[in-house]
C-alpha atoms as a PDB file:
ATOM      1  CA  UNK A   1    -234.107 -47.392  26.114  1.00  0.00           C
ATOM      2  CA  UNK A   2    -230.675 -47.422  27.816  1.00  0.00           C
ATOM      3  CA  UNK A   3    -229.685 -50.357  29.813  1.00  0.00           C
ATOM      4  CA  UNK A   4    -229.415 -49.528  33.360  1.00  0.00           C
ATOM      5  CA  UNK A   5    -227.743 -52.086  35.825  1.00  0.00           C
ATOM      6  CA  UNK A   6    -228.857 -51.656  39.377  1.00  0.00           C
ATOM      7  CA  UNK A   7    -226.290 -52.760  42.004  1.00  0.00           C
ATOM      8  CA  UNK A   8    -228.704 -53.567  44.924  1.00  0.00           C
ATOM      9  CA  UNK A   9    -225.913 -54.399  47.403  1.00  0.00           C
ATOM     10  CA  UNK A  10    -224.331 -51.213  46.857  1.00  0.00           C
ATOM     11  CA  UNK A  11    -222.923 -50.885  50.378  1.00  0.00           C
ATOM     12  CA  UNK A  12    -220.493 -53.905  50.918  1.00  0.00           C
ATOM     13  CA  UNK A  13    -221.182 -53.999  54.742  1.00  0.00           C
ATOM     14  CA  UNK A  14    -224.965 -54.769  54.344  1.00  0.00           C
ATOM     15  CA  UNK A  15    -227.829 -55.255  52.222  1.00  0.00           C
ATOM     16  CA  UNK A  16    -230.099 -52.341  51.854  1.00  0.00           C
ATOM     17  CA  UNK A  17    -232.983 -54.701  51.579  1.00  0.00           C
ATOM     18  CA  UNK A  18    -232.466 -55.306  55.501  1.00  0.00           C
ATOM     19  CA  UNK A  19    -233.089 -51.616  56.611  1.00  0.00           C
ATOM     20  CA  UNK A  20    -232.715 -52.183  60.324  1.00  0.00           C
ATOM     21  CA  UNK A  21    -229.418 -50.635  61.402  1.00  0.00           C
ATOM     22  CA  UNK A  22    -228.584 -49.241  57.942  1.00  0.00           C
ATOM     23  CA  UNK A  23    -230.981 -46.157  57.350  1.00  0.00           C
ATOM     24  CA  UNK A  24    -230.265 -43.629  59.810  1.00  0.00           C
ATOM     25  CA  UNK A  25    -232.286 -40.784  58.229  1.00  0.00           C
ATOM     26  CA  UNK A  26    -234.972 -41.012  55.531  1.00  0.00           C
ATOM     27  CA  UNK A  27    -236.086 -38.673  52.661  1.00  0.00           C
ATOM     28  CA  UNK A  28    -238.419 -35.603  53.525  1.00  0.00           C
ATOM     29  CA  UNK A  29    -238.900 -33.023  55.745  1.00  0.00           C
ATOM     30  CA  UNK A  30    -236.139 -30.788  54.336  1.00  0.00           C
ATOM     31  CA  UNK A  31    -233.805 -33.951  53.943  1.00  0.00           C
ATOM     32  CA  UNK A  32    -233.002 -34.439  50.285  1.00  0.00           C
ATOM     33  CA  UNK A  33    -231.929 -38.073  50.591  1.00  0.00           C
ATOM     34  CA  UNK A  34    -231.264 -41.150  52.459  1.00  0.00           C
ATOM     35  CA  UNK A  35    -228.668 -41.371  55.238  1.00  0.00           C
ATOM     36  CA  UNK A  36    -226.939 -44.905  55.531  1.00  0.00           C
ATOM     37  CA  UNK A  37    -224.691 -45.986  58.484  1.00  0.00           C
ATOM     38  CA  UNK A  38    -221.896 -48.561  58.128  1.00  0.00           C
ATOM     39  CA  UNK A  39    -220.601 -50.705  60.741  1.00  0.00           C
ATOM     40  CA  UNK A  40    -216.856 -50.482  60.105  1.00  0.00           C
ATOM     41  CA  UNK A  41    -214.293 -47.934  58.987  1.00  0.00           C
ATOM     42  CA  UNK A  42    -213.259 -47.304  55.482  1.00  0.00           C
ATOM     43  CA  UNK A  43    -216.382 -48.705  53.630  1.00  0.00           C
ATOM     44  CA  UNK A  44    -216.071 -48.510  49.807  1.00  0.00           C
ATOM     45  CA  UNK A  45    -219.008 -46.911  48.157  1.00  0.00           C
ATOM     46  CA  UNK A  46    -219.822 -48.440  44.810  1.00  0.00           C
ATOM     47  CA  UNK A  47    -221.885 -47.066  41.992  1.00  0.00           C
ATOM     48  CA  UNK A  48    -225.447 -47.903  42.022  1.00  0.00           C
ATOM     49  CA  UNK A  49    -226.061 -47.540  38.214  1.00  0.00           C
ATOM     50  CA  UNK A  50    -223.918 -47.551  35.054  1.00  0.00           C
ATOM     51  CA  UNK A  51    -223.129 -44.069  33.996  1.00  0.00           C
ATOM     52  CA  UNK A  52    -220.626 -41.244  33.961  1.00  0.00           C
ATOM     53  CA  UNK A  53    -219.140 -39.029  36.689  1.00  0.00           C
ATOM     54  CA  UNK A  54    -220.720 -35.588  36.156  1.00  0.00           C
ATOM     55  CA  UNK A  55    -219.009 -33.822  39.081  1.00  0.00           C
ATOM     56  CA  UNK A  56    -216.454 -34.395  41.897  1.00  0.00           C
ATOM     57  CA  UNK A  57    -216.165 -31.318  44.438  1.00  0.00           C
ATOM     58  CA  UNK A  58    -215.800 -30.401  47.802  1.00  0.00           C
ATOM     59  CA  UNK A  59    -218.354 -28.291  49.770  1.00  0.00           C
ATOM     60  CA  UNK A  60    -217.935 -26.967  53.219  1.00  0.00           C
ATOM     61  CA  UNK A  61    -221.225 -28.232  54.330  1.00  0.00           C
ATOM     62  CA  UNK A  62    -221.407 -31.513  52.314  1.00  0.00           C
ATOM     63  CA  UNK A  63    -217.892 -32.516  52.270  1.00  0.00           C
ATOM     64  CA  UNK A  64    -216.601 -34.568  49.476  1.00  0.00           C
ATOM     65  CA  UNK A  65    -219.235 -35.159  46.903  1.00  0.00           C
ATOM     66  CA  UNK A  66    -219.468 -37.383  43.715  1.00  0.00           C
ATOM     67  CA  UNK A  67    -222.354 -36.938  41.161  1.00  0.00           C
ATOM     68  CA  UNK A  68    -222.916 -39.432  38.510  1.00  0.00           C
ATOM     69  CA  UNK A  69    -225.582 -41.064  36.454  1.00  0.00           C
ATOM     70  CA  UNK A  70    -227.016 -41.527  32.995  1.00  0.00           C
ATOM     71  CA  UNK A  71    -229.968 -40.104  30.820  1.00  0.00           C
ATOM     72  CA  UNK A  72    -232.582 -41.549  33.209  1.00  0.00           C
ATOM     73  CA  UNK A  73    -231.168 -41.539  36.775  1.00  0.00           C
ATOM     74  CA  UNK A  74    -228.598 -39.291  38.580  1.00  0.00           C
ATOM     75  CA  UNK A  75    -227.130 -39.920  42.013  1.00  0.00           C
ATOM     76  CA  UNK A  76    -225.054 -37.910  44.486  1.00  0.00           C
ATOM     77  CA  UNK A  77    -223.164 -39.291  47.456  1.00  0.00           C
ATOM     78  CA  UNK A  78    -222.078 -37.025  50.076  1.00  0.00           C
ATOM     79  CA  UNK A  79    -219.694 -36.757  53.081  1.00  0.00           C
ATOM     80  CA  UNK A  80    -217.126 -39.231  51.547  1.00  0.00           C
ATOM     81  CA  UNK A  81    -213.666 -39.337  53.275  1.00  0.00           C
ATOM     82  CA  UNK A  82    -211.978 -39.942  50.099  1.00  0.00           C
ATOM     83  CA  UNK A  83    -213.022 -39.745  46.381  1.00  0.00           C
ATOM     84  CA  UNK A  84    -211.559 -42.266  43.891  1.00  0.00           C
ATOM     85  CA  UNK A  85    -213.037 -41.239  40.613  1.00  0.00           C
ATOM     86  CA  UNK A  86    -212.827 -37.959  38.562  1.00  0.00           C
ATOM     87  CA  UNK A  87    -215.119 -36.069  36.473  1.00  0.00           C
ATOM     88  CA  UNK A  88    -215.705 -37.834  33.130  1.00  0.00           C
ATOM     89  CA  UNK A  89    -215.001 -41.428  34.445  1.00  0.00           C
ATOM     90  CA  UNK A  90    -217.411 -44.134  33.301  1.00  0.00           C
ATOM     91  CA  UNK A  91    -218.738 -46.001  36.067  1.00  0.00           C
ATOM     92  CA  UNK A  92    -220.332 -49.610  36.227  1.00  0.00           C
ATOM     93  CA  UNK A  93    -222.931 -50.516  38.804  1.00  0.00           C
ATOM     94  CA  UNK A  94    -221.412 -52.726  41.533  1.00  0.00           C
ATOM     95  CA  UNK A  95    -217.781 -52.569  39.904  1.00  0.00           C
ATOM     96  CA  UNK A  96    -216.627 -48.995  40.228  1.00  0.00           C
ATOM     97  CA  UNK A  97    -215.759 -47.830  43.773  1.00  0.00           C
ATOM     98  CA  UNK A  98    -216.548 -44.225  43.832  1.00  0.00           C
ATOM     99  CA  UNK A  99    -215.091 -43.388  47.139  1.00  0.00           C
ATOM    100  CA  UNK A 100    -214.825 -44.213  50.992  1.00  0.00           C
ATOM    101  CA  UNK A 101    -217.735 -43.513  53.270  1.00  0.00           C
ATOM    102  CA  UNK A 102    -216.812 -40.637  55.787  1.00  0.00           C
ATOM    103  CA  UNK A 103    -218.158 -37.790  57.749  1.00  0.00           C
ATOM    104  CA  UNK A 104    -216.621 -34.854  55.923  1.00  0.00           C
ATOM    105  CA  UNK A 105    -218.549 -31.400  55.820  1.00  0.00           C
ATOM    106  CA  UNK A 106    -220.159 -29.352  58.532  1.00  0.00           C
ATOM    107  CA  UNK A 107    -223.518 -30.906  58.109  1.00  0.00           C
ATOM    108  CA  UNK A 108    -222.107 -34.553  58.857  1.00  0.00           C
ATOM    109  CA  UNK A 109    -222.863 -35.570  62.267  1.00  0.00           C
ATOM    110  CA  UNK A 110    -220.811 -38.681  62.162  1.00  0.00           C
ATOM    111  CA  UNK A 111    -219.537 -41.185  59.693  1.00  0.00           C
ATOM    112  CA  UNK A 112    -222.372 -41.980  57.175  1.00  0.00           C
ATOM    113  CA  UNK A 113    -223.156 -41.812  53.553  1.00  0.00           C
ATOM    114  CA  UNK A 114    -225.971 -39.450  52.417  1.00  0.00           C
ATOM    115  CA  UNK A 115    -227.444 -40.341  48.907  1.00  0.00           C
ATOM    116  CA  UNK A 116    -229.553 -38.159  46.819  1.00  0.00           C
ATOM    117  CA  UNK A 117    -231.352 -39.338  43.646  1.00  0.00           C
ATOM    118  CA  UNK A 118    -232.989 -37.544  40.734  1.00  0.00           C
ATOM    119  CA  UNK A 119    -235.280 -39.411  38.162  1.00  0.00           C
ATOM    120  CA  UNK A 120    -236.163 -37.608  35.053  1.00  0.00           C
ATOM    121  CA  UNK A 121    -234.620 -34.402  36.547  1.00  0.00           C
ATOM    122  CA  UNK A 122    -236.699 -34.540  39.596  1.00  0.00           C
ATOM    123  CA  UNK A 123    -235.553 -35.089  43.201  1.00  0.00           C
ATOM    124  CA  UNK A 124    -236.954 -38.412  44.612  1.00  0.00           C
ATOM    125  CA  UNK A 125    -236.697 -40.574  47.543  1.00  0.00           C
ATOM    126  CA  UNK A 126    -233.755 -42.958  46.681  1.00  0.00           C
ATOM    127  CA  UNK A 127    -234.538 -45.633  49.571  1.00  0.00           C
ATOM    128  CA  UNK A 128    -237.300 -47.669  47.675  1.00  0.00           C
ATOM    129  CA  UNK A 129    -234.939 -47.854  44.584  1.00  0.00           C
ATOM    130  CA  UNK A 130    -231.834 -48.730  46.598  1.00  0.00           C
ATOM    131  CA  UNK A 131    -233.906 -51.360  48.592  1.00  0.00           C
ATOM    132  CA  UNK A 132    -235.160 -52.899  45.499  1.00  0.00           C
ATOM    133  CA  UNK A 133    -238.684 -52.276  46.174  1.00  0.00           C
ATOM    134  CA  UNK A 134    -239.049 -50.174  42.799  1.00  0.00           C
ATOM    135  CA  UNK A 135    -237.281 -50.674  39.645  1.00  0.00           C
ATOM    136  CA  UNK A 136    -235.372 -47.828  38.080  1.00  0.00           C
ATOM    137  CA  UNK A 137    -236.558 -46.357  35.078  1.00  0.00           C
ATOM    138  CA  UNK A 138    -235.267 -48.386  32.107  1.00  0.00           C
ATOM    139  CA  UNK A 139    -234.897 -51.588  34.112  1.00  0.00           C
ATOM    140  CA  UNK A 140    -238.161 -52.847  33.258  1.00  0.00           C
ATOM    141  CA  UNK A 141    -237.554 -53.886  29.796  1.00  0.00           C
ATOM    142  CA  UNK A 142    -234.106 -55.347  30.936  1.00  0.00           C
ATOM    143  CA  UNK A 143    -235.807 -57.647  33.425  1.00  0.00           C
ATOM    144  CA  UNK A 144    -238.500 -58.631  30.992  1.00  0.00           C
ATOM    145  CA  UNK A 145    -235.652 -59.568  28.514  1.00  0.00           C
ATOM    146  CA  UNK A 146    -233.836 -61.534  31.096  1.00  0.00           C
ATOM    147  CA  UNK A 147    -236.887 -63.451  32.093  1.00  0.00           C
ATOM    148  CA  UNK A 148    -237.484 -64.282  28.408  1.00  0.00           C
ATOM    149  CA  UNK A 149    -233.846 -65.527  28.070  1.00  0.00           C
ATOM    150  CA  UNK A 150    -234.127 -67.669  31.133  1.00  0.00           C
ATOM    151  CA  UNK A 151    -237.360 -69.315  29.782  1.00  0.00           C
ATOM    152  CA  UNK A 152    -235.814 -69.917  26.481  1.00  0.00           C
ATOM    153  CA  UNK A 153    -232.774 -71.634  28.196  1.00  0.00           C
ATOM    154  CA  UNK A 154    -235.006 -73.808  30.245  1.00  0.00           C
ATOM    155  CA  UNK A 155    -236.957 -74.830  27.297  1.00  0.00           C
ATOM    156  CA  UNK A 156    -233.611 -75.841  25.466  1.00  0.00           C
ATOM    157  CA  UNK A 157    -232.561 -77.828  28.779  1.00  0.00           C
ATOM    158  CA  UNK A 158    -235.877 -79.531  29.000  1.00  0.00           C
ATOM    159  CA  UNK A 159    -235.691 -80.617  25.450  1.00  0.00           C
ATOM    160  CA  UNK A 160    -231.997 -81.948  25.936  1.00  0.00           C
ATOM    161  CA  UNK A 161    -233.212 -83.757  29.161  1.00  0.00           C
ATOM    162  CA  UNK A 162    -236.144 -85.372  27.193  1.00  0.00           C
ATOM    163  CA  UNK A 163    -233.669 -86.672  24.468  1.00  0.00           C
ATOM    164  CA  UNK A 164    -231.410 -88.147  27.098  1.00  0.00           C
ATOM    165  CA  UNK A 165    -234.557 -89.775  28.750  1.00  0.00           C
ATOM    166  CA  UNK A 166    -235.479 -91.183  25.291  1.00  0.00           C
ATOM    167  CA  UNK A 167    -232.040 -92.497  24.563  1.00  0.00           C
ATOM    168  CA  UNK A 168    -231.726 -94.236  27.989  1.00  0.00           C
ATOM    169  CA  UNK A 169    -235.256 -95.798  27.477  1.00  0.00           C
ATOM    170  CA  UNK A 170    -234.079 -97.580  24.280  1.00  0.00           C
END
């Protein structure tokens, strides 16, 4: 299974875990994603998962669009003011700035970022994944591995501490 790094705080102006003030429109009722609103101009939009840029385009209704992802997850960000990547670019979660939040396209009612997500080829509500409520496919094994590595490191640290205690007690 591929390693998928998830960047939880993907919008630098606020943590998606605090939904108040950041989610302006939710998935459903004909709305194919989640809209998030920044609190300043020129907000950079970072990649949410590791992957490859599959499309960069301009749509009259959606404005500047970036699509990217990997075998398990695909995302698209719409209404960008400026795109900073090109098709074929490799992106890293939390490291690669894809573009600048904007209000381009006739469907934009103001400056915001619309995010759509597909998991296993099916359109899905991105909000629970972006807010950290659900793990993205492929991350469960990674998280288990990281927990195991932390447990092993703690065991080693405790052994060193015990050796120090014994040496001091002599």
